[in-house]
Amino acid sequence: MLKIFVETGLMEQSAHFGWQDKNQALYGLREGYKNSADELVKIAVNSGGNLKILDTYIFPILFLYRHCIEISLKHICFRTHLYILFYLV
């Protein structure tokens, strides 16, 4: 069985969580959701019209894009709030 979580001992081959500072807040989440949705779209488009794939992949695709949009809006609000705090107050 294929394991998706394995210890390699190499930093370059590991996922990193919490690496962002306040200026990059939510960037990794937003990009992760968008890139994952894009990959699922590629699989669906290249499925040759396979209805099983088209009918089932639509739900995670929509979920991932919706979360990408939600996080993008939160990022905009966060950065706007920071701008107001530091430059207008």
C-alpha atoms as a PDB file:
ATOM      1  CA  MET A   1       0.000   0.000   0.000  1.00  0.00           C
ATOM      2  CA  LEU A   2       1.235   3.486  -0.883  1.00  0.00           C
ATOM      3  CA  LYS A   3       1.918   5.704   2.120  1.00  0.00           C
ATOM      4  CA  ILE A   4       1.355   9.427   1.654  1.00  0.00           C
ATOM      5  CA  PHE A   5       3.070  10.452   4.901  1.00  0.00           C
ATOM      6  CA  VAL A   6       6.628   9.177   5.180  1.00  0.00           C
ATOM      7  CA  GLU A   7       9.706  10.487   6.969  1.00  0.00           C
ATOM      8  CA  THR A   8      12.445  11.284   4.459  1.00  0.00           C
ATOM      9  CA  GLY A   9      14.853  13.177   6.691  1.00  0.00           C
ATOM     10  CA  LEU A  10      15.175  15.809   3.952  1.00  0.00           C
ATOM     11  CA  MET A  11      13.673  19.267   4.469  1.00  0.00           C
ATOM     12  CA  GLU A  12      13.298  19.761   0.705  1.00  0.00           C
ATOM     13  CA  GLN A  13      10.938  16.767   0.510  1.00  0.00           C
ATOM     14  CA  SER A  14       8.674  17.834   3.346  1.00  0.00           C
ATOM     15  CA  ALA A  15       5.548  19.945   3.558  1.00  0.00           C
ATOM     16  CA  HIS A  16       5.890  22.952   5.829  1.00  0.00           C
ATOM     17  CA  PHE A  17       2.983  24.317   7.850  1.00  0.00           C
ATOM     18  CA  GLY A  18       2.907  27.787   9.380  1.00  0.00           C
ATOM     19  CA  TRP A  19       5.804  29.213   7.365  1.00  0.00           C
ATOM     20  CA  GLN A  20       4.007  32.448   6.502  1.00  0.00           C
ATOM     21  CA  ASP A  21       4.455  35.769   8.224  1.00  0.00           C
ATOM     22  CA  LYS A  22       1.649  38.333   8.567  1.00  0.00           C
ATOM     23  CA  ASN A  23       2.294  39.770   5.100  1.00  0.00           C
ATOM     24  CA  GLN A  24       1.865  36.353   3.503  1.00  0.00           C
ATOM     25  CA  ALA A  25      -1.022  35.202   5.674  1.00  0.00           C
ATOM     26  CA  LEU A  26      -3.283  32.698   3.970  1.00  0.00           C
ATOM     27  CA  TYR A  27      -1.150  32.586   0.795  1.00  0.00           C
ATOM     28  CA  GLY A  28      -0.270  28.904   1.122  1.00  0.00           C
ATOM     29  CA  LEU A  29      -3.856  27.899   1.833  1.00  0.00           C
ATOM     30  CA  ARG A  30      -5.229  29.893  -1.092  1.00  0.00           C
ATOM     31  CA  GLU A  31      -2.655  28.533  -3.514  1.00  0.00           C
ATOM     32  CA  GLY A  32      -3.122  24.980  -2.244  1.00  0.00           C
ATOM     33  CA  TYR A  33      -6.875  25.037  -2.807  1.00  0.00           C
ATOM     34  CA  LYS A  34      -6.544  26.640  -6.242  1.00  0.00           C
ATOM     35  CA  ASN A  35      -3.752  24.367  -7.464  1.00  0.00           C
ATOM     36  CA  SER A  36      -5.612  21.280  -6.259  1.00  0.00           C
ATOM     37  CA  ALA A  37      -8.797  22.381  -8.033  1.00  0.00           C
ATOM     38  CA  ASP A  38      -6.831  23.117 -11.216  1.00  0.00           C
ATOM     39  CA  GLU A  39      -5.334  19.608 -11.153  1.00  0.00           C
ATOM     40  CA  LEU A  40      -8.754  18.001 -10.698  1.00  0.00           C
ATOM     41  CA  VAL A  41     -10.095  20.050 -13.610  1.00  0.00           C
ATOM     42  CA  LYS A  42      -7.243  18.766 -15.804  1.00  0.00           C
ATOM     43  CA  ILE A  43      -8.077  15.184 -14.848  1.00  0.00           C
ATOM     44  CA  ALA A  44     -11.783  15.734 -15.570  1.00  0.00           C
ATOM     45  CA  VAL A  45     -11.161  17.456 -18.904  1.00  0.00           C
ATOM     46  CA  ASN A  46      -8.746  14.713 -20.002  1.00  0.00           C
ATOM     47  CA  SER A  47     -11.081  11.899 -18.898  1.00  0.00           C
ATOM     48  CA  GLY A  48     -12.561  11.596 -22.363  1.00  0.00           C
ATOM     49  CA  GLY A  49     -16.041  12.477 -21.166  1.00  0.00           C
ATOM     50  CA  ASN A  50     -16.097   9.783 -18.476  1.00  0.00           C
ATOM     51  CA  LEU A  51     -19.372  10.562 -16.709  1.00  0.00           C
ATOM     52  CA  LYS A  52     -18.283   8.918 -13.464  1.00  0.00           C
ATOM     53  CA  ILE A  53     -15.325  11.311 -13.226  1.00  0.00           C
ATOM     54  CA  LEU A  54     -17.265  14.337 -14.473  1.00  0.00           C
ATOM     55  CA  ASP A  55     -20.202  13.743 -12.120  1.00  0.00           C
ATOM     56  CA  THR A  56     -18.099  13.083  -9.022  1.00  0.00           C
ATOM     57  CA  TYR A  57     -15.137  15.442  -9.477  1.00  0.00           C
ATOM     58  CA  ILE A  58     -17.419  18.477  -9.808  1.00  0.00           C
ATOM     59  CA  PHE A  59     -18.091  18.526  -6.053  1.00  0.00           C
ATOM     60  CA  PRO A  60     -14.485  18.685  -4.829  1.00  0.00           C
ATOM     61  CA  ILE A  61     -13.628  21.082  -7.679  1.00  0.00           C
ATOM     62  CA  LEU A  62     -16.367  23.511  -6.622  1.00  0.00           C
ATOM     63  CA  PHE A  63     -15.453  23.081  -2.946  1.00  0.00           C
ATOM     64  CA  LEU A  64     -11.790  23.861  -3.604  1.00  0.00           C
ATOM     65  CA  TYR A  65     -12.473  26.900  -5.798  1.00  0.00           C
ATOM     66  CA  ARG A  66     -15.030  28.219  -3.299  1.00  0.00           C
ATOM     67  CA  HIS A  67     -12.503  27.962  -0.491  1.00  0.00           C
ATOM     68  CA  CYS A  68      -9.869  29.644  -2.645  1.00  0.00           C
ATOM     69  CA  ILE A  69     -12.249  32.571  -3.190  1.00  0.00           C
ATOM     70  CA  GLU A  70     -13.196  32.678   0.505  1.00  0.00           C
ATOM     71  CA  ILE A  71      -9.556  32.753   1.606  1.00  0.00           C
ATOM     72  CA  SER A  72      -8.744  35.384  -1.024  1.00  0.00           C
ATOM     73  CA  LEU A  73     -11.492  37.606   0.373  1.00  0.00           C
ATOM     74  CA  LYS A  74     -10.257  37.036   3.926  1.00  0.00           C
ATOM     75  CA  HIS A  75      -6.745  37.921   2.787  1.00  0.00           C
ATOM     76  CA  ILE A  76      -8.008  41.156   1.227  1.00  0.00           C
ATOM     77  CA  CYS A  77      -9.901  42.042   4.418  1.00  0.00           C
ATOM     78  CA  PHE A  78      -6.889  41.238   6.580  1.00  0.00           C
ATOM     79  CA  ARG A  79      -4.531  43.341   4.484  1.00  0.00           C
ATOM     80  CA  THR A  80      -7.040  46.207   4.303  1.00  0.00           C
ATOM     81  CA  HIS A  81      -7.439  46.102   8.073  1.00  0.00           C
ATOM     82  CA  LEU A  82      -3.658  46.196   8.522  1.00  0.00           C
ATOM     83  CA  TYR A  83      -3.380  49.095   6.086  1.00  0.00           C
ATOM     84  CA  ILE A  84      -6.034  51.068   7.969  1.00  0.00           C
ATOM     85  CA  LEU A  85      -4.383  50.354  11.319  1.00  0.00           C
ATOM     86  CA  PHE A  86      -0.876  51.320  10.251  1.00  0.00           C
ATOM     87  CA  TYR A  87      -1.435  54.105   7.735  1.00  0.00           C
ATOM     88  CA  LEU A  88      -4.774  55.759   8.413  1.00  0.00           C
ATOM     89  CA  VAL A  89      -5.067  55.720  12.189  1.00  0.00           C
END
